[in-house]
Protein backbone atom coordinates (compact mmCIF):
# COMPACT_ATOMS: atom_id res chain seq x y z
CA MET A 1 -7.47 -13.36 27.50
CA ASP A 2 -6.84 -11.38 24.33
CA LEU A 3 -10.44 -10.15 24.35
CA TYR A 4 -10.02 -8.93 27.93
CA TRP A 5 -6.89 -7.00 27.00
CA LYS A 6 -8.68 -5.41 24.06
CA VAL A 7 -11.49 -4.29 26.34
CA PHE A 8 -8.94 -3.07 28.88
CA PHE A 9 -7.06 -0.89 26.39
CA PHE A 10 -10.34 0.45 25.02
CA ILE A 11 -11.45 1.47 28.53
CA VAL A 12 -8.04 2.97 29.29
CA GLY A 13 -8.26 4.98 26.09
CA ALA A 14 -11.74 6.24 26.97
CA ALA A 15 -10.56 7.29 30.44
CA ILE A 16 -7.57 9.14 28.97
CA GLY A 17 -9.93 10.71 26.46
CA SER A 18 -11.92 12.17 29.35
CA PHE A 19 -8.72 13.84 30.59
CA LEU A 20 -7.97 15.09 27.06
CA ASN A 21 -11.32 16.89 27.11
CA VAL A 22 -10.10 18.76 30.18
CA CYS A 23 -6.93 19.74 28.32
CA ILE A 24 -8.88 20.84 25.25
CA TRP A 25 -11.09 23.06 27.42
CA ARG A 26 -8.46 24.53 29.73
CA VAL A 27 -5.19 24.81 27.78
CA PRO A 28 -6.41 27.64 25.49
CA GLN A 29 -7.56 29.50 28.60
CA GLU A 30 -4.18 28.92 30.26
CA LYS A 31 -5.86 27.23 33.23
CA SER A 32 -4.56 24.34 35.31
CA ILE A 33 -5.43 20.94 33.89
CA VAL A 34 -5.34 19.47 37.40
CA PHE A 35 -7.30 21.88 39.61
CA PRO A 36 -10.17 22.38 40.08
CA SER A 37 -11.84 19.03 39.48
CA SER A 38 -14.18 18.49 36.52
CA HIS A 39 -17.25 20.69 36.66
CA CYS A 40 -20.16 21.74 34.48
CA PRO A 41 -19.09 24.67 32.25
CA ALA A 42 -22.60 26.15 32.55
CA CYS A 43 -23.38 26.06 36.28
CA GLY A 44 -19.93 25.27 37.68
CA HIS A 45 -21.20 22.35 39.79
CA ALA A 46 -18.63 19.61 40.40
CA ILE A 47 -19.33 16.52 38.33
CA ARG A 48 -20.03 13.42 40.40
CA TRP A 49 -17.89 10.37 39.73
CA PHE A 50 -20.84 8.38 38.37
CA ASP A 51 -21.61 11.22 35.96
CA ASN A 52 -18.04 11.26 34.73
CA LEU A 53 -17.87 7.79 33.19
CA PRO A 54 -16.45 8.15 29.67
CA ILE A 55 -19.03 7.91 26.87
CA LEU A 56 -21.54 6.08 29.08
CA SER A 57 -22.44 9.03 31.34
CA TYR A 58 -23.10 11.28 28.35
CA LEU A 59 -25.55 8.75 26.94
CA LEU A 60 -27.28 8.14 30.27
CA LEU A 61 -27.67 11.88 30.93
CA ARG A 62 -28.73 12.46 27.31
CA GLY A 63 -26.08 15.12 26.90
CA LYS A 64 -27.31 17.31 29.77
CA CYS A 65 -25.95 18.39 33.15
CA ARG A 66 -27.70 16.61 36.01
CA ASP A 67 -27.84 19.81 38.08
CA CYS A 68 -28.73 22.63 35.68
CA GLY A 69 -29.94 20.74 32.63
CA GLY A 70 -27.53 22.64 30.41
CA ARG A 71 -26.40 21.02 27.20
CA ILE A 72 -23.07 19.22 27.22
CA SER A 73 -21.10 19.41 24.01
CA VAL A 74 -21.06 16.23 21.91
CA GLN A 75 -17.31 16.82 21.66
CA TYR A 76 -16.85 15.08 25.01
CA PRO A 77 -18.02 11.57 24.00
CA VAL A 78 -16.51 12.01 20.53
CA VAL A 79 -13.04 12.68 21.95
CA GLU A 80 -13.43 9.79 24.40
CA ALA A 81 -14.52 7.40 21.65
CA ILE A 82 -11.72 8.44 19.28
CA THR A 83 -9.12 8.05 22.02
CA ALA A 84 -10.53 4.66 23.05
CA LEU A 85 -10.50 3.33 19.47
CA LEU A 86 -6.97 4.58 18.84
CA SER A 87 -5.76 3.07 22.11
CA LEU A 88 -7.17 -0.29 21.00
CA ALA A 89 -5.71 0.06 17.50
CA LEU A 90 -2.25 0.91 18.86
CA TYR A 91 -2.40 -2.07 21.21
CA LEU A 92 -3.21 -4.31 18.24
CA LYS A 93 -0.26 -2.81 16.34
CA TYR A 94 2.40 -2.68 19.06
CA GLY A 95 1.15 -5.11 21.70
CA PHE A 96 2.84 -5.12 25.09
CA SER A 97 5.83 -2.96 24.27
CA TRP A 98 7.17 0.47 25.15
CA GLN A 99 6.15 1.56 21.68
CA TYR A 100 2.47 1.44 22.67
CA PRO A 101 2.62 4.14 25.42
CA ALA A 102 5.01 6.22 23.30
CA ALA A 103 2.75 6.15 20.25
CA PHE A 104 -0.37 6.61 22.37
CA ALA A 105 1.07 9.71 24.08
CA PHE A 106 1.94 11.13 20.66
CA VAL A 107 -1.58 10.45 19.38
CA CYS A 108 -3.14 12.01 22.49
CA ALA A 109 -1.16 15.20 21.92
CA LEU A 110 -2.44 15.30 18.34
CA ILE A 111 -6.04 14.85 19.47
CA VAL A 112 -5.73 17.80 21.85
CA VAL A 113 -4.09 19.92 19.15
CA ALA A 114 -6.72 19.04 16.55
CA PHE A 115 -9.73 19.92 18.70
CA ILE A 116 -8.18 23.11 20.06
CA ASP A 117 -7.34 24.23 16.54
CA LEU A 118 -10.86 23.40 15.36
CA GLU A 119 -12.44 25.64 17.97
CA HIS A 120 -9.88 28.37 18.54
CA GLN A 121 -7.72 28.18 15.39
CA ILE A 122 -4.56 28.05 17.45
CA ILE A 123 -1.98 25.36 18.17
CA PRO A 124 -0.64 25.97 21.68
CA ASP A 125 3.13 26.29 21.95
CA VAL A 126 2.89 24.52 25.32
CA ILE A 127 2.28 21.31 23.36
CA SER A 128 4.32 21.69 20.17
CA LEU A 129 7.51 23.35 21.44
CA PRO A 130 8.39 20.87 24.23
CA GLY A 131 6.93 18.17 22.00
CA ILE A 132 9.72 18.58 19.45
CA PRO A 133 12.68 17.52 21.66
CA VAL A 134 10.57 14.99 23.59
CA CYS A 135 9.34 13.35 20.38
CA LEU A 136 12.87 13.26 18.97
CA ILE A 137 14.24 11.49 22.06
CA VAL A 138 11.35 9.02 22.25
CA ALA A 139 11.54 8.34 18.53
CA VAL A 140 15.21 7.41 18.73
CA PHE A 141 15.23 5.43 21.98
CA VAL A 142 11.76 3.86 21.90
CA MET A 143 10.37 3.83 18.37
CA GLY A 144 13.66 2.89 16.73
CA VAL A 145 13.84 5.87 14.37
CA PRO A 146 17.46 6.66 13.36
CA PHE A 147 18.67 9.87 15.00
CA LEU A 148 19.46 11.54 11.66
CA ASP A 149 16.00 10.70 10.32
CA ALA A 150 14.35 12.25 13.39
CA LEU A 151 16.59 15.32 13.28
CA LEU A 152 15.92 15.82 9.58
CA GLY A 153 12.23 15.42 10.35
CA VAL A 154 12.42 18.47 12.61
CA VAL A 155 14.41 20.57 10.14
CA ILE A 156 12.50 19.59 7.01
CA GLY A 157 9.10 19.55 8.70
CA GLY A 158 9.42 23.00 10.16
CA GLY A 159 11.37 24.38 7.22
CA PHE A 160 8.95 23.17 4.56
CA LEU A 161 5.84 24.75 6.03
CA PHE A 162 7.80 27.89 6.90
CA LEU A 163 8.79 28.21 3.23
CA VAL A 164 5.19 27.63 2.14
CA ALA A 165 3.97 30.28 4.58
CA VAL A 166 6.54 32.83 3.38
CA VAL A 167 5.77 32.23 -0.31
CA TYR A 168 2.01 32.39 0.28
CA GLN A 169 2.29 35.63 2.22
CA PHE A 170 4.54 37.11 -0.46
CA LEU A 171 2.09 36.24 -3.25
CA THR A 172 -1.15 37.15 -1.48
CA ARG A 173 0.02 39.81 0.98
CA ARG A 174 -1.80 38.05 3.82
CA GLU A 175 -0.98 35.31 6.28
CA GLY A 176 -2.23 31.91 5.18
CA MET A 177 -0.55 29.59 7.67
CA GLY A 178 0.21 30.17 11.30
CA GLY A 179 3.43 29.38 13.08
CA GLY A 180 1.63 26.71 15.07
CA ASP A 181 1.30 24.49 12.00
CA ILE A 182 5.02 24.85 11.33
CA LYS A 183 5.98 23.76 14.85
CA LEU A 184 3.42 20.95 14.77
CA LEU A 185 4.86 19.46 11.59
CA ALA A 186 8.35 19.72 13.09
CA MET A 187 7.09 17.73 16.08
CA MET A 188 5.59 15.11 13.77
CA GLY A 189 8.81 14.86 11.80
CA ALA A 190 10.75 14.38 15.04
CA PHE A 191 8.58 11.44 16.08
CA LEU A 192 8.00 9.76 12.72
CA GLY A 193 11.16 10.68 10.82
CA TRP A 194 11.59 12.84 7.74
CA LYS A 195 10.23 10.23 5.32
CA SER A 196 6.82 10.51 6.94
CA LEU A 197 6.51 14.15 5.89
CA PHE A 198 5.76 13.26 2.27
CA PHE A 199 2.75 11.21 3.35
CA ILE A 200 1.58 13.71 5.99
CA VAL A 201 1.77 16.76 3.73
CA PHE A 202 0.18 14.96 0.77
CA VAL A 203 -2.72 13.43 2.72
CA SER A 204 -3.41 16.50 4.86
CA SER A 205 -3.31 18.80 1.83
CA LEU A 206 -5.59 16.54 -0.20
CA PHE A 207 -8.28 16.16 2.44
CA GLY A 208 -7.82 19.73 3.65
CA ALA A 209 -8.49 20.99 0.14
CA LEU A 210 -11.57 18.78 -0.30
CA VAL A 211 -13.07 19.77 3.04
CA GLY A 212 -12.01 23.38 2.59
CA VAL A 213 -13.77 23.73 -0.75
CA ALA A 214 -16.95 22.23 0.71
CA VAL A 215 -16.85 24.55 3.75
CA LEU A 216 -16.13 27.63 1.67
CA ALA A 217 -18.97 26.80 -0.69
CA ALA A 218 -21.37 26.27 2.20
CA GLN A 219 -20.36 29.50 3.95
CA ARG A 220 -20.21 31.47 0.68
CA LYS A 221 -17.22 33.46 1.89
CA GLY A 222 -14.99 32.84 -1.08
CA PHE A 223 -11.39 32.36 0.00
CA ARG A 224 -11.70 34.67 3.00
CA ALA A 225 -12.76 32.02 5.50
CA ALA A 226 -10.03 30.67 7.78
CA ILE A 227 -9.84 26.87 7.88
CA PRO A 228 -7.58 25.29 10.52
CA TYR A 229 -4.92 23.00 9.08
CA GLY A 230 -3.93 21.37 12.37
CA PRO A 231 -6.70 18.74 12.38
CA PHE A 232 -5.73 17.56 8.90
CA LEU A 233 -2.04 17.37 9.82
CA SER A 234 -2.94 15.44 12.98
CA ALA A 235 -5.21 12.99 11.15
CA ALA A 236 -2.55 12.39 8.49
CA ALA A 237 0.14 11.76 11.13
CA VAL A 238 -2.09 9.21 12.87
CA ALA A 239 -2.79 7.56 9.52
CA TYR A 240 0.94 7.32 8.88
CA LEU A 241 1.41 5.37 12.10
CA PHE A 242 -0.82 2.63 10.69
CA TRP A 243 -0.49 2.78 6.90
CA GLY A 244 2.28 5.23 6.07
CA GLU A 245 5.14 2.78 5.64
CA ALA A 246 3.03 0.55 3.38
CA PHE A 247 2.06 3.61 1.35
CA MET A 248 5.66 4.75 0.94
CA THR A 249 6.74 1.24 -0.04
CA PHE A 250 4.04 1.20 -2.71
CA ILE A 251 5.13 4.60 -4.05
CA LEU A 252 8.79 3.58 -4.23
CA THR A 253 8.46 -0.05 -5.37
CA GLY A 254 4.98 -0.37 -6.80
CA ARG A 255 3.94 -3.04 -4.31
CA PHE A 256 2.49 -3.05 -0.83
CA ALA A 257 4.61 -4.23 2.09
CA PRO A 258 3.41 -7.54 3.60
């Protein structure tokens, strides 16, 4: 039966990933995520149910619209696959508990944020601002995070990046970090607690710097190119869910937690 449940949570994740694609497409345009139903962005034709099967339909249609033949972005199956794999991983971590839907909802919000930031270089307030109090409440009553830890996560998370942004702007006379990143880290701190911020900032900064240098070198724009930080913050927060506590234990004690 365990295999069936793994398959079930993978399929559920893929289906939710299909909905996340709708959010990624429509939220930056301030459109309803409910109406109208899914349609081809090129010709506007409504997508048939058998052409809307997560991952599978994209492969069967070879990444093209059945009606107009227009190309469908590879982002769609990628988001569905990522969501499906994370749903399965969270089930393996939390099992049948309220922590699974809580953590999965948090991860889904981060996926939407990451892909919107990648394309539009914005982090919508409609996700991060209500996400801060919601994440704090869920963290305390579902995830078992002490209230003070969650509250400090909001204050330190938002305050730290705000300080970094102010100092950077003072030294360079130009904006280097948007307010969206600040609110996003506050939301992460609310859900994961203030101790998670060390891991999130360290990991996101490390990989952001590595990827940033590679992108800047490839584009040959020097330090003028804008690189979104949201995807790195989101990836680091997801990583903390699975390995963060073991990492912090190793840093503090020199040994990995069992």
